[in-house]
Amino acid sequence: MISSHLDERRVCPYLPAVKPTLRAASMKQCGKDRGESFYLLALECAQSLWLQGLPAQSMLLLNRAFSADLKGHEPVLGEWPLPYAAMVWVMKHHRKGDFIGNPRRHFQHLATRMVEPRKEVRSWRAWACWWYACQVFPEMPADELQIETEGILEPSEKDIVSGLGKWGIEGEVAAWQSAIGVL
């Protein structure tokens, strides 16, 4: 259910300000483009969905932003860095009653079931968000059955830094570590 108090919902300071009218379907206008325009639109859709009282959907659009094919030098990243801080902020500030799901389990599944393109970096970004979810929602359970049956090893903070350092864009480790301050 979409909140009827949109004007009372705080704008996420880590995402572009927009009117709360965009939906996930808005991403279709990018076609096959996964560059800067795709990235910026995903951030805008995430903000709009957040303002509509849909934090879980907002997080899905942040996942889409993380999937953009950016090299690290694009001008959009100067204004809107990779949305690690936005992800933490949405998890921390969702309202009681807004559907958030189980972010820990979501990111575990995302990280372990990633497919191409850019599988490695996208998987490490999912693990990075998983780490935040574990901090914000320590009471939410992992998918223990998947861990046991598939032999999943949950990465340490050091592993995540190493993975983002190897596969991410320039400055990505610093962006991830900086977002820890949003916790």
Protein backbone atom coordinates (compact mmCIF):
# COMPACT_ATOMS: atom_id res chain seq x y z
CA MET A 1 0.00 0.00 0.00
CA ILE A 2 1.40 3.40 -0.96
CA SER A 3 1.60 5.90 1.87
CA SER A 4 -0.88 8.76 1.74
CA HIS A 5 1.59 10.97 3.60
CA LEU A 6 4.16 11.45 0.85
CA ASP A 7 4.88 15.03 1.91
CA GLU A 8 5.87 13.79 5.38
CA ARG A 9 8.39 11.25 4.12
CA ARG A 10 11.96 12.52 4.18
CA VAL A 11 13.86 12.57 0.92
CA CYS A 12 16.88 10.27 0.97
CA PRO A 13 19.81 12.69 1.01
CA TYR A 14 21.98 10.25 -0.96
CA LEU A 15 19.66 10.14 -3.98
CA PRO A 16 18.53 12.75 -6.52
CA ALA A 17 15.40 14.66 -5.55
CA VAL A 18 12.41 13.74 -7.75
CA LYS A 19 8.66 13.83 -7.69
CA PRO A 20 7.21 10.54 -6.40
CA THR A 21 5.82 9.37 -9.73
CA LEU A 22 8.46 7.06 -11.15
CA ARG A 23 8.08 3.28 -11.02
CA ALA A 24 10.41 0.40 -11.85
CA ALA A 25 8.77 0.24 -15.30
CA SER A 26 10.30 3.65 -16.01
CA MET A 27 13.61 1.85 -16.53
CA LYS A 28 12.33 0.46 -19.85
CA GLN A 29 13.04 3.81 -21.49
CA CYS A 30 16.78 3.04 -21.27
CA GLY A 31 16.45 0.06 -23.57
CA LYS A 32 19.73 -1.86 -23.64
CA ASP A 33 21.77 1.10 -22.38
CA ARG A 34 23.38 0.35 -19.04
CA GLY A 35 25.54 3.47 -18.83
CA GLU A 36 25.19 6.83 -17.12
CA SER A 37 21.57 7.47 -18.12
CA PHE A 38 20.53 4.06 -16.82
CA TYR A 39 22.42 4.65 -13.57
CA LEU A 40 20.90 8.07 -12.95
CA LEU A 41 17.38 6.90 -13.78
CA ALA A 42 17.76 3.92 -11.43
CA LEU A 43 18.74 6.33 -8.64
CA GLU A 44 15.79 8.59 -9.45
CA CYS A 45 13.39 5.64 -9.47
CA ALA A 46 14.82 4.46 -6.14
CA GLN A 47 14.14 7.87 -4.61
CA SER A 48 10.64 8.00 -6.07
CA LEU A 49 9.77 4.53 -4.79
CA TRP A 50 11.16 5.47 -1.39
CA LEU A 51 8.92 8.55 -1.33
CA GLN A 52 5.96 6.35 -2.27
CA GLY A 53 6.52 4.25 0.85
CA LEU A 54 8.05 1.32 -1.00
CA PRO A 55 11.50 0.77 0.57
CA ALA A 56 11.91 -2.81 -0.69
CA GLN A 57 11.25 -1.68 -4.26
CA SER A 58 13.56 1.27 -3.74
CA MET A 59 16.31 -1.16 -2.73
CA LEU A 60 15.68 -3.21 -5.88
CA LEU A 61 16.27 -0.09 -7.97
CA LEU A 62 19.47 0.60 -6.06
CA ASN A 63 20.49 -2.94 -7.04
CA ARG A 64 19.79 -1.95 -10.65
CA ALA A 65 22.01 1.13 -10.24
CA PHE A 66 24.81 -1.13 -8.98
CA SER A 67 24.46 -3.13 -12.19
CA ALA A 68 25.20 -0.14 -14.43
CA ASP A 69 28.21 -0.51 -16.68
CA LEU A 70 30.30 2.34 -15.30
CA LYS A 71 34.08 2.57 -15.42
CA GLY A 72 34.51 5.06 -12.57
CA HIS A 73 35.29 8.24 -14.48
CA GLU A 74 31.73 9.15 -15.51
CA PRO A 75 30.56 12.65 -14.48
CA VAL A 76 27.39 11.25 -12.88
CA LEU A 77 29.53 9.50 -10.26
CA GLY A 78 30.94 12.87 -9.20
CA GLU A 79 27.48 14.00 -8.14
CA TRP A 80 25.95 10.61 -7.30
CA PRO A 81 28.56 8.08 -6.12
CA LEU A 82 27.73 4.39 -6.06
CA PRO A 83 24.66 4.17 -3.81
CA TYR A 84 26.10 2.39 -0.79
CA ALA A 85 25.10 5.23 1.56
CA ALA A 86 21.63 5.35 -0.02
CA MET A 87 21.19 1.61 0.56
CA VAL A 88 22.08 1.93 4.23
CA TRP A 89 19.87 5.00 4.61
CA VAL A 90 16.82 3.27 3.09
CA MET A 91 17.32 0.23 5.33
CA LYS A 92 17.68 2.38 8.44
CA HIS A 93 14.89 4.85 7.78
CA HIS A 94 12.05 2.69 6.48
CA ARG A 95 8.87 3.19 8.43
CA LYS A 96 7.33 0.50 10.55
CA GLY A 97 4.67 -1.08 8.39
CA ASP A 98 6.50 -0.41 5.10
CA PHE A 99 7.46 -3.70 3.47
CA ILE A 100 11.22 -4.21 3.63
CA GLY A 101 11.40 -8.00 3.36
CA ASN A 102 14.54 -9.68 4.68
CA PRO A 103 17.43 -7.68 3.20
CA ARG A 104 20.03 -10.04 4.64
CA ARG A 105 18.53 -13.02 2.83
CA HIS A 106 17.86 -10.94 -0.31
CA PHE A 107 21.50 -9.88 -0.64
CA GLN A 108 22.75 -13.39 0.20
CA HIS A 109 20.67 -14.77 -2.67
CA LEU A 110 21.65 -11.93 -4.99
CA ALA A 111 25.36 -12.41 -4.30
CA THR A 112 25.29 -16.17 -4.74
CA ARG A 113 23.06 -16.32 -7.80
CA MET A 114 24.56 -13.53 -9.86
CA VAL A 115 24.92 -14.01 -13.60
CA GLU A 116 26.80 -12.13 -16.30
CA PRO A 117 27.43 -9.42 -17.32
CA ARG A 118 30.00 -8.19 -14.79
CA LYS A 119 29.13 -11.07 -12.47
CA GLU A 120 32.10 -10.67 -10.10
CA VAL A 121 31.72 -6.97 -9.33
CA ARG A 122 27.95 -7.23 -9.02
CA SER A 123 28.30 -10.19 -6.66
CA TRP A 124 30.77 -8.31 -4.44
CA ARG A 125 28.46 -5.29 -4.40
CA ALA A 126 25.64 -7.54 -3.23
CA TRP A 127 27.87 -8.96 -0.49
CA ALA A 128 28.78 -5.40 0.48
CA CYS A 129 25.09 -4.56 0.87
CA TRP A 130 24.55 -7.87 2.69
CA TRP A 131 27.13 -6.76 5.26
CA TYR A 132 25.16 -3.55 5.86
CA ALA A 133 21.91 -5.53 6.15
CA CYS A 134 23.52 -7.74 8.81
CA GLN A 135 24.42 -4.61 10.79
CA VAL A 136 21.03 -2.90 10.41
CA PHE A 137 18.92 -6.06 10.87
CA PRO A 138 20.92 -8.43 13.10
CA GLU A 139 17.71 -10.23 14.04
CA MET A 140 16.91 -11.20 10.45
CA PRO A 141 18.05 -14.72 9.63
CA ALA A 142 20.28 -15.84 6.81
CA ASP A 143 19.11 -18.58 4.48
CA GLU A 144 20.74 -21.32 6.53
CA LEU A 145 19.49 -24.04 4.20
CA GLN A 146 21.26 -22.44 1.23
CA ILE A 147 24.41 -21.92 3.31
CA GLU A 148 24.42 -25.58 4.29
CA THR A 149 23.41 -27.21 1.01
CA GLU A 150 25.49 -24.98 -1.27
CA GLY A 151 28.46 -24.55 1.06
CA ILE A 152 28.14 -20.76 1.06
CA LEU A 153 30.85 -18.95 2.98
CA GLU A 154 29.66 -15.56 4.18
CA PRO A 155 32.47 -13.08 3.53
CA SER A 156 34.17 -11.04 6.23
CA GLU A 157 34.50 -7.27 6.05
CA LYS A 158 38.10 -7.84 4.91
CA ASP A 159 36.91 -10.19 2.14
CA ILE A 160 34.45 -7.57 0.92
CA VAL A 161 37.14 -4.88 0.85
CA SER A 162 39.36 -7.25 -1.11
CA GLY A 163 36.59 -8.20 -3.58
CA LEU A 164 35.53 -4.59 -4.19
CA GLY A 165 39.18 -3.59 -4.51
CA LYS A 166 39.82 -6.24 -7.14
CA TRP A 167 36.60 -5.97 -9.14
CA GLY A 168 35.14 -2.53 -8.36
CA ILE A 169 35.78 0.88 -9.82
CA GLU A 170 38.31 3.36 -8.51
CA GLY A 171 37.21 4.68 -5.13
CA GLU A 172 34.62 1.98 -4.58
CA VAL A 173 36.17 0.59 -1.41
CA ALA A 174 36.28 4.09 0.06
CA ALA A 175 32.61 4.68 -0.90
CA TRP A 176 31.61 1.42 0.77
CA GLN A 177 33.61 2.16 3.91
CA SER A 178 32.31 5.74 4.03
CA ALA A 179 28.71 4.48 4.03
CA ILE A 180 29.45 2.58 7.22
CA GLY A 181 29.19 6.01 8.84
CA VAL A 182 25.51 6.13 7.83
CA LEU A 183 24.90 3.10 10.05
